[in-house]
Amino acid sequence: MTAYLECRALRFRYEEMMMRFDLEIERGSCVAVIGPSGAGKSTLLALIGGFEHADDGCVLVEGRDITAVPAAQRPVTTLFQDNNLFAHLTASQNVGLGLHPGLRLSDAQRRDVGQALEQVGLEEFGNRRPAQLSGGERQRVAIARCLVRRRPILLLDEPFGALGPAMRLEMLDLVDALRRQHGLTVLMVTHDPADAARIADRTAFVAEGEVVLSDATTSVLQSDLPVIRDYLGR
């Protein structure tokens, strides 16, 4: 069966490191990407999202090569740790940016914004600015902005790293619920294997610019590969 999202012989040079990524992801799955700092996890997401350009190889979605497609035109949206909200705009306006950079929205689009805020539990917070929101609420606004874009692939680059443990779990569970509700395919970079264990069907372990193992999350976290054992402290 053809993978829904595939990185095939993807090559990217960063300083002295030549990164080499091969990865297949099924439609509707959640895949965690874990590994040491500097291993290339965020670079992998940037290549899929179109923020970096590969030296060789390709990114495929449903068998279609999107390697040369501009980031804005890819079926992908990315949520970063820095939620990139504009301080002078309300929550509704920040979500609306996902639909139009000039916030010239139709009535239907305004309804989409309201529905997205409702789905992340912020239906009463549309008129608040980021400074009036908690860290978790700001990330919920950023998630709502991802939802209104209606892109089938969601990339998470450690978006909850700055949150406390309880809020982090709440955000992970929200992403998992939205993935199931909207049929999203999620690729999540995290340093915490507990994140992978909580919501990821599969996990890809990245070390020295390469996917050294991609398998069911339990299998990866229990792997006897020395690089994984060392990373997990086993």
C-alpha atoms as a PDB file:
ATOM      1  CA  MET A   1       0.000   0.000   0.000  1.00  0.00           C
ATOM      2  CA  THR A   2       1.296   3.449  -0.971  1.00  0.00           C
ATOM      3  CA  ALA A   3       2.175   5.699   1.966  1.00  0.00           C
ATOM      4  CA  TYR A   4       0.096   8.838   2.357  1.00  0.00           C
ATOM      5  CA  LEU A   5       3.119  11.012   3.211  1.00  0.00           C
ATOM      6  CA  GLU A   6       6.582   9.902   2.199  1.00  0.00           C
ATOM      7  CA  CYS A   7      10.082  11.307   2.431  1.00  0.00           C
ATOM      8  CA  ARG A   8      12.041   9.387  -0.162  1.00  0.00           C
ATOM      9  CA  ALA A   9      15.848   9.602  -0.181  1.00  0.00           C
ATOM     10  CA  LEU A  10      15.524  13.181   1.076  1.00  0.00           C
ATOM     11  CA  ARG A  11      18.934  14.832   1.421  1.00  0.00           C
ATOM     12  CA  PHE A  12      19.814  18.131   3.058  1.00  0.00           C
ATOM     13  CA  ARG A  13      23.206  19.512   4.066  1.00  0.00           C
ATOM     14  CA  TYR A  14      23.335  21.545   7.257  1.00  0.00           C
ATOM     15  CA  GLU A  15      26.819  22.897   7.959  1.00  0.00           C
ATOM     16  CA  GLU A  16      28.996  19.750   8.065  1.00  0.00           C
ATOM     17  CA  MET A  17      26.124  17.270   8.423  1.00  0.00           C
ATOM     18  CA  MET A  18      24.495  15.590   5.434  1.00  0.00           C
ATOM     19  CA  MET A  19      21.014  14.601   6.560  1.00  0.00           C
ATOM     20  CA  ARG A  20      19.315  11.618   4.906  1.00  0.00           C
ATOM     21  CA  PHE A  21      15.625  11.049   5.533  1.00  0.00           C
ATOM     22  CA  ASP A  22      13.477   8.112   4.483  1.00  0.00           C
ATOM     23  CA  LEU A  23      10.062   7.927   6.139  1.00  0.00           C
ATOM     24  CA  GLU A  24       6.576   6.643   5.308  1.00  0.00           C
ATOM     25  CA  ILE A  25       3.452   7.806   7.134  1.00  0.00           C
ATOM     26  CA  GLU A  26      -0.085   6.432   6.863  1.00  0.00           C
ATOM     27  CA  ARG A  27      -3.110   8.656   6.382  1.00  0.00           C
ATOM     28  CA  GLY A  28      -4.774   9.735   9.634  1.00  0.00           C
ATOM     29  CA  SER A  29      -1.947   8.560  11.859  1.00  0.00           C
ATOM     30  CA  CYS A  30       0.004  10.438  14.520  1.00  0.00           C
ATOM     31  CA  VAL A  31       3.758   9.964  14.280  1.00  0.00           C
ATOM     32  CA  ALA A  32       6.124  11.296  16.928  1.00  0.00           C
ATOM     33  CA  VAL A  33       9.643  12.320  15.941  1.00  0.00           C
ATOM     34  CA  ILE A  34      12.072  12.000  18.829  1.00  0.00           C
ATOM     35  CA  GLY A  35      15.837  12.000  19.195  1.00  0.00           C
ATOM     36  CA  PRO A  36      18.776  14.011  20.560  1.00  0.00           C
ATOM     37  CA  SER A  37      19.054  17.781  20.166  1.00  0.00           C
ATOM     38  CA  GLY A  38      20.607  18.721  16.841  1.00  0.00           C
ATOM     39  CA  ALA A  39      19.717  15.381  15.267  1.00  0.00           C
ATOM     40  CA  GLY A  40      17.593  16.941  12.509  1.00  0.00           C
ATOM     41  CA  LYS A  41      14.043  16.561  13.817  1.00  0.00           C
ATOM     42  CA  SER A  42      12.954  20.147  13.116  1.00  0.00           C
ATOM     43  CA  THR A  43      14.793  20.091   9.793  1.00  0.00           C
ATOM     44  CA  LEU A  44      12.735  17.075   8.739  1.00  0.00           C
ATOM     45  CA  LEU A  45       9.531  18.994   9.455  1.00  0.00           C
ATOM     46  CA  ALA A  46      10.866  22.080   7.676  1.00  0.00           C
ATOM     47  CA  LEU A  47      11.591  20.005   4.567  1.00  0.00           C
ATOM     48  CA  ILE A  48       8.076  18.554   4.595  1.00  0.00           C
ATOM     49  CA  GLY A  49       6.539  21.970   5.214  1.00  0.00           C
ATOM     50  CA  GLY A  50       8.571  23.644   2.491  1.00  0.00           C
ATOM     51  CA  PHE A  51      10.511  26.003   4.763  1.00  0.00           C
ATOM     52  CA  GLU A  52      13.771  24.291   3.747  1.00  0.00           C
ATOM     53  CA  HIS A  53      14.621  22.950   0.301  1.00  0.00           C
ATOM     54  CA  ALA A  54      16.133  19.509  -0.159  1.00  0.00           C
ATOM     55  CA  ASP A  55      19.399  18.991  -2.019  1.00  0.00           C
ATOM     56  CA  ASP A  56      18.077  15.717  -3.384  1.00  0.00           C
ATOM     57  CA  GLY A  57      15.190  13.284  -3.013  1.00  0.00           C
ATOM     58  CA  CYS A  58      11.501  14.116  -2.770  1.00  0.00           C
ATOM     59  CA  VAL A  59       8.479  14.612  -0.530  1.00  0.00           C
ATOM     60  CA  LEU A  60       5.361  12.809  -1.725  1.00  0.00           C
ATOM     61  CA  VAL A  61       1.737  13.201  -0.645  1.00  0.00           C
ATOM     62  CA  GLU A  62      -0.569  10.506  -2.010  1.00  0.00           C
ATOM     63  CA  GLY A  63       2.142   9.719  -4.529  1.00  0.00           C
ATOM     64  CA  ARG A  64       2.337  13.316  -5.785  1.00  0.00           C
ATOM     65  CA  ASP A  65       5.740  14.979  -5.640  1.00  0.00           C
ATOM     66  CA  ILE A  66       5.416  18.268  -3.717  1.00  0.00           C
ATOM     67  CA  THR A  67       9.158  18.887  -3.315  1.00  0.00           C
ATOM     68  CA  ALA A  68       9.105  21.986  -5.533  1.00  0.00           C
ATOM     69  CA  VAL A  69       5.691  23.236  -4.356  1.00  0.00           C
ATOM     70  CA  PRO A  70       5.900  26.524  -2.363  1.00  0.00           C
ATOM     71  CA  ALA A  71       5.189  26.195   1.352  1.00  0.00           C
ATOM     72  CA  ALA A  72       1.935  28.164   1.157  1.00  0.00           C
ATOM     73  CA  GLN A  73       0.540  25.788  -1.479  1.00  0.00           C
ATOM     74  CA  ARG A  74       1.389  22.503   0.244  1.00  0.00           C
ATOM     75  CA  PRO A  75      -1.353  20.443   1.966  1.00  0.00           C
ATOM     76  CA  VAL A  76       0.460  21.120   5.224  1.00  0.00           C
ATOM     77  CA  THR A  77       0.168  23.506   8.167  1.00  0.00           C
ATOM     78  CA  THR A  78       2.738  23.889  10.940  1.00  0.00           C
ATOM     79  CA  LEU A  79       2.381  24.747  14.620  1.00  0.00           C
ATOM     80  CA  PHE A  80       5.583  25.964  16.274  1.00  0.00           C
ATOM     81  CA  GLN A  81       6.509  26.381  19.944  1.00  0.00           C
ATOM     82  CA  ASP A  82       6.343  30.125  19.343  1.00  0.00           C
ATOM     83  CA  ASN A  83       2.688  30.350  18.390  1.00  0.00           C
ATOM     84  CA  ASN A  84       3.301  33.439  16.193  1.00  0.00           C
ATOM     85  CA  LEU A  85       0.217  35.311  17.367  1.00  0.00           C
ATOM     86  CA  PHE A  86       0.085  39.038  16.691  1.00  0.00           C
ATOM     87  CA  ALA A  87      -0.190  40.945  19.963  1.00  0.00           C
ATOM     88  CA  HIS A  88      -2.343  43.758  18.538  1.00  0.00           C
ATOM     89  CA  LEU A  89      -4.959  41.386  17.079  1.00  0.00           C
ATOM     90  CA  THR A  90      -7.771  39.574  18.872  1.00  0.00           C
ATOM     91  CA  ALA A  91      -7.954  35.798  19.065  1.00  0.00           C
ATOM     92  CA  SER A  92     -10.554  35.784  16.271  1.00  0.00           C
ATOM     93  CA  GLN A  93      -8.381  37.969  14.072  1.00  0.00           C
ATOM     94  CA  ASN A  94      -5.318  35.810  14.687  1.00  0.00           C
ATOM     95  CA  VAL A  95      -7.327  32.758  13.636  1.00  0.00           C
ATOM     96  CA  GLY A  96      -8.664  34.637  10.617  1.00  0.00           C
ATOM     97  CA  LEU A  97      -5.117  35.173   9.368  1.00  0.00           C
ATOM     98  CA  GLY A  98      -5.149  31.495   8.472  1.00  0.00           C
ATOM     99  CA  LEU A  99      -7.786  32.337   5.852  1.00  0.00           C
ATOM    100  CA  HIS A 100      -6.670  35.732   4.562  1.00  0.00           C
ATOM    101  CA  PRO A 101      -3.540  37.758   5.420  1.00  0.00           C
ATOM    102  CA  GLY A 102      -5.532  40.977   5.127  1.00  0.00           C
ATOM    103  CA  LEU A 103      -8.420  39.639   7.241  1.00  0.00           C
ATOM    104  CA  ARG A 104     -10.909  40.326   4.462  1.00  0.00           C
ATOM    105  CA  LEU A 105     -13.220  37.462   5.387  1.00  0.00           C
ATOM    106  CA  SER A 106     -16.590  36.442   4.051  1.00  0.00           C
ATOM    107  CA  ASP A 107     -19.475  35.723   6.407  1.00  0.00           C
ATOM    108  CA  ALA A 108     -18.872  31.999   5.886  1.00  0.00           C
ATOM    109  CA  GLN A 109     -15.206  32.408   6.802  1.00  0.00           C
ATOM    110  CA  ARG A 110     -16.118  34.328   9.954  1.00  0.00           C
ATOM    111  CA  ARG A 111     -18.362  31.428  10.908  1.00  0.00           C
ATOM    112  CA  ASP A 112     -15.424  29.061  10.277  1.00  0.00           C
ATOM    113  CA  VAL A 113     -13.304  31.147  12.653  1.00  0.00           C
ATOM    114  CA  GLY A 114     -15.989  30.957  15.336  1.00  0.00           C
ATOM    115  CA  GLN A 115     -16.375  27.216  14.883  1.00  0.00           C
ATOM    116  CA  ALA A 116     -12.613  26.668  15.117  1.00  0.00           C
ATOM    117  CA  LEU A 117     -12.440  28.627  18.377  1.00  0.00           C
ATOM    118  CA  GLU A 118     -15.361  26.598  19.679  1.00  0.00           C
ATOM    119  CA  GLN A 119     -13.600  23.344  18.799  1.00  0.00           C
ATOM    120  CA  VAL A 120     -10.590  24.338  20.902  1.00  0.00           C
ATOM    121  CA  GLY A 121     -12.769  25.504  23.791  1.00  0.00           C
ATOM    122  CA  LEU A 122     -12.352  29.257  23.283  1.00  0.00           C
ATOM    123  CA  GLU A 123     -15.731  30.250  21.892  1.00  0.00           C
ATOM    124  CA  GLU A 124     -16.006  33.031  24.499  1.00  0.00           C
ATOM    125  CA  PHE A 125     -12.458  34.330  23.984  1.00  0.00           C
ATOM    126  CA  GLY A 126     -12.647  35.684  20.432  1.00  0.00           C
ATOM    127  CA  ASN A 127     -12.274  39.342  21.421  1.00  0.00           C
ATOM    128  CA  ARG A 128      -9.311  38.835  23.738  1.00  0.00           C
ATOM    129  CA  ARG A 129      -5.779  39.713  22.706  1.00  0.00           C
ATOM    130  CA  PRO A 130      -2.840  37.343  23.331  1.00  0.00           C
ATOM    131  CA  ALA A 131      -1.722  39.263  26.443  1.00  0.00           C
ATOM    132  CA  GLN A 132      -5.114  38.456  27.988  1.00  0.00           C
ATOM    133  CA  LEU A 133      -4.675  34.725  27.395  1.00  0.00           C
ATOM    134  CA  SER A 134      -2.693  32.044  29.220  1.00  0.00           C
ATOM    135  CA  GLY A 135       0.071  30.129  27.455  1.00  0.00           C
ATOM    136  CA  GLY A 136      -2.243  27.191  26.852  1.00  0.00           C
ATOM    137  CA  GLU A 137      -4.991  29.461  25.540  1.00  0.00           C
ATOM    138  CA  ARG A 138      -2.583  31.092  23.116  1.00  0.00           C
ATOM    139  CA  GLN A 139      -1.630  27.676  21.782  1.00  0.00           C
ATOM    140  CA  ARG A 140      -5.314  26.836  21.421  1.00  0.00           C
ATOM    141  CA  VAL A 141      -5.728  29.949  19.267  1.00  0.00           C
ATOM    142  CA  ALA A 142      -2.784  28.802  17.149  1.00  0.00           C
ATOM    143  CA  ILE A 143      -4.369  25.360  16.793  1.00  0.00           C
ATOM    144  CA  ALA A 144      -7.648  26.988  15.733  1.00  0.00           C
ATOM    145  CA  ARG A 145      -5.756  28.914  13.053  1.00  0.00           C
ATOM    146  CA  CYS A 146      -4.372  25.609  11.780  1.00  0.00           C
ATOM    147  CA  LEU A 147      -7.882  24.142  11.670  1.00  0.00           C
ATOM    148  CA  VAL A 148      -9.401  26.901   9.535  1.00  0.00           C
ATOM    149  CA  ARG A 149      -6.721  26.346   6.907  1.00  0.00           C
ATOM    150  CA  ARG A 150      -8.167  22.862   6.358  1.00  0.00           C
ATOM    151  CA  ARG A 151      -4.847  21.291   5.427  1.00  0.00           C
ATOM    152  CA  PRO A 152      -4.827  17.499   5.901  1.00  0.00           C
ATOM    153  CA  ILE A 153      -1.287  17.312   7.341  1.00  0.00           C
ATOM    154  CA  LEU A 154      -0.450  18.977  10.664  1.00  0.00           C
ATOM    155  CA  LEU A 155       3.190  19.403  11.667  1.00  0.00           C
ATOM    156  CA  LEU A 156       3.912  20.114  15.348  1.00  0.00           C
ATOM    157  CA  ASP A 157       7.399  21.387  16.149  1.00  0.00           C
ATOM    158  CA  GLU A 158       7.531  21.126  19.948  1.00  0.00           C
ATOM    159  CA  PRO A 159       4.573  23.500  20.349  1.00  0.00           C
ATOM    160  CA  PHE A 160       3.919  22.569  23.984  1.00  0.00           C
ATOM    161  CA  GLY A 161       7.466  22.550  25.312  1.00  0.00           C
ATOM    162  CA  ALA A 162       6.999  25.735  27.344  1.00  0.00           C
ATOM    163  CA  LEU A 163       3.804  24.563  29.050  1.00  0.00           C
ATOM    164  CA  GLY A 164       3.518  22.960  32.471  1.00  0.00           C
ATOM    165  CA  PRO A 165       2.862  19.204  32.740  1.00  0.00           C
ATOM    166  CA  ALA A 166      -0.919  19.375  33.203  1.00  0.00           C
ATOM    167  CA  MET A 167      -1.438  21.889  30.371  1.00  0.00           C
ATOM    168  CA  ARG A 168       0.917  19.923  28.139  1.00  0.00           C
ATOM    169  CA  LEU A 169      -1.192  16.776  28.585  1.00  0.00           C
ATOM    170  CA  GLU A 170      -4.346  18.779  27.937  1.00  0.00           C
ATOM    171  CA  MET A 171      -2.913  20.118  24.658  1.00  0.00           C
ATOM    172  CA  LEU A 172      -1.762  16.661  23.548  1.00  0.00           C
ATOM    173  CA  ASP A 173      -5.222  15.242  24.197  1.00  0.00           C
ATOM    174  CA  LEU A 174      -6.789  18.139  22.280  1.00  0.00           C
ATOM    175  CA  VAL A 175      -4.565  17.498  19.267  1.00  0.00           C
ATOM    176  CA  ASP A 176      -5.418  13.797  19.397  1.00  0.00           C
ATOM    177  CA  ALA A 177      -9.150  14.526  19.551  1.00  0.00           C
ATOM    178  CA  LEU A 178      -8.964  16.999  16.669  1.00  0.00           C
ATOM    179  CA  ARG A 179      -6.901  14.559  14.614  1.00  0.00           C
ATOM    180  CA  ARG A 180      -9.600  11.933  14.945  1.00  0.00           C
ATOM    181  CA  GLN A 181     -12.420  14.409  14.373  1.00  0.00           C
ATOM    182  CA  HIS A 182     -10.923  15.945  11.224  1.00  0.00           C
ATOM    183  CA  GLY A 183      -8.986  12.957   9.873  1.00  0.00           C
ATOM    184  CA  LEU A 184      -5.673  14.803  10.166  1.00  0.00           C
ATOM    185  CA  THR A 185      -2.288  13.222   9.646  1.00  0.00           C
ATOM    186  CA  VAL A 186      -0.011  14.506  12.426  1.00  0.00           C
ATOM    187  CA  LEU A 187       3.778  14.576  12.619  1.00  0.00           C
ATOM    188  CA  MET A 188       4.966  15.763  16.047  1.00  0.00           C
ATOM    189  CA  VAL A 189       8.524  16.644  17.065  1.00  0.00           C
ATOM    190  CA  THR A 190       9.113  16.238  20.791  1.00  0.00           C
ATOM    191  CA  HIS A 191      11.982  15.658  23.209  1.00  0.00           C
ATOM    192  CA  ASP A 192       9.707  13.853  25.637  1.00  0.00           C
ATOM    193  CA  PRO A 193       9.023  10.154  24.933  1.00  0.00           C
ATOM    194  CA  ALA A 194       5.956  10.440  27.190  1.00  0.00           C
ATOM    195  CA  ASP A 195       4.359  12.655  24.510  1.00  0.00           C
ATOM    196  CA  ALA A 196       4.871   9.903  21.972  1.00  0.00           C
ATOM    197  CA  ALA A 197       3.513   7.253  24.329  1.00  0.00           C
ATOM    198  CA  ARG A 198       0.377   9.320  24.973  1.00  0.00           C
ATOM    199  CA  ILE A 199      -0.899   9.992  21.438  1.00  0.00           C
ATOM    200  CA  ALA A 200       1.437   8.662  18.733  1.00  0.00           C
ATOM    201  CA  ASP A 201       0.570   5.484  16.807  1.00  0.00           C
ATOM    202  CA  ARG A 202       4.133   5.297  15.550  1.00  0.00           C
ATOM    203  CA  THR A 203       7.426   6.935  16.400  1.00  0.00           C
ATOM    204  CA  ALA A 204      10.398   7.831  14.219  1.00  0.00           C
ATOM    205  CA  PHE A 205      13.718   8.075  16.047  1.00  0.00           C
ATOM    206  CA  VAL A 206      16.138  10.531  14.427  1.00  0.00           C
ATOM    207  CA  ALA A 207      19.857  10.565  15.171  1.00  0.00           C
ATOM    208  CA  GLU A 208      22.705  12.290  13.312  1.00  0.00           C
ATOM    209  CA  GLY A 209      20.422  13.422  10.506  1.00  0.00           C
ATOM    210  CA  GLU A 210      18.821  10.063   9.797  1.00  0.00           C
ATOM    211  CA  VAL A 211      15.695   8.107  10.713  1.00  0.00           C
ATOM    212  CA  VAL A 212      17.317   5.131  12.427  1.00  0.00           C
ATOM    213  CA  LEU A 213      14.043   3.439  13.367  1.00  0.00           C
ATOM    214  CA  SER A 214      10.375   3.993  12.514  1.00  0.00           C
ATOM    215  CA  ASP A 215       7.897   1.602  14.084  1.00  0.00           C
ATOM    216  CA  ALA A 216       5.013   1.320  16.527  1.00  0.00           C
ATOM    217  CA  THR A 217       5.676   3.677  19.430  1.00  0.00           C
ATOM    218  CA  THR A 218       5.948   0.897  22.007  1.00  0.00           C
ATOM    219  CA  SER A 219       8.491  -0.940  19.853  1.00  0.00           C
ATOM    220  CA  VAL A 220      10.654   2.144  19.395  1.00  0.00           C
ATOM    221  CA  LEU A 221      10.608   3.064  23.075  1.00  0.00           C
ATOM    222  CA  GLN A 222      11.569  -0.504  23.978  1.00  0.00           C
ATOM    223  CA  SER A 223      14.199  -0.833  21.244  1.00  0.00           C
ATOM    224  CA  ASP A 224      17.624  -2.242  22.106  1.00  0.00           C
ATOM    225  CA  LEU A 225      19.419  -0.006  19.614  1.00  0.00           C
ATOM    226  CA  PRO A 226      22.255   1.610  21.620  1.00  0.00           C
ATOM    227  CA  VAL A 227      21.456   5.137  20.384  1.00  0.00           C
ATOM    228  CA  ILE A 228      17.863   4.790  21.593  1.00  0.00           C
ATOM    229  CA  ARG A 229      18.815   3.160  24.888  1.00  0.00           C
ATOM    230  CA  ASP A 230      21.297   5.959  25.551  1.00  0.00           C
ATOM    231  CA  TYR A 231      18.750   8.647  24.692  1.00  0.00           C
ATOM    232  CA  LEU A 232      16.128   7.154  26.986  1.00  0.00           C
ATOM    233  CA  GLY A 233      18.633   6.512  29.761  1.00  0.00           C
ATOM    234  CA  ARG A 234      18.050   2.767  29.835  1.00  0.00           C
END
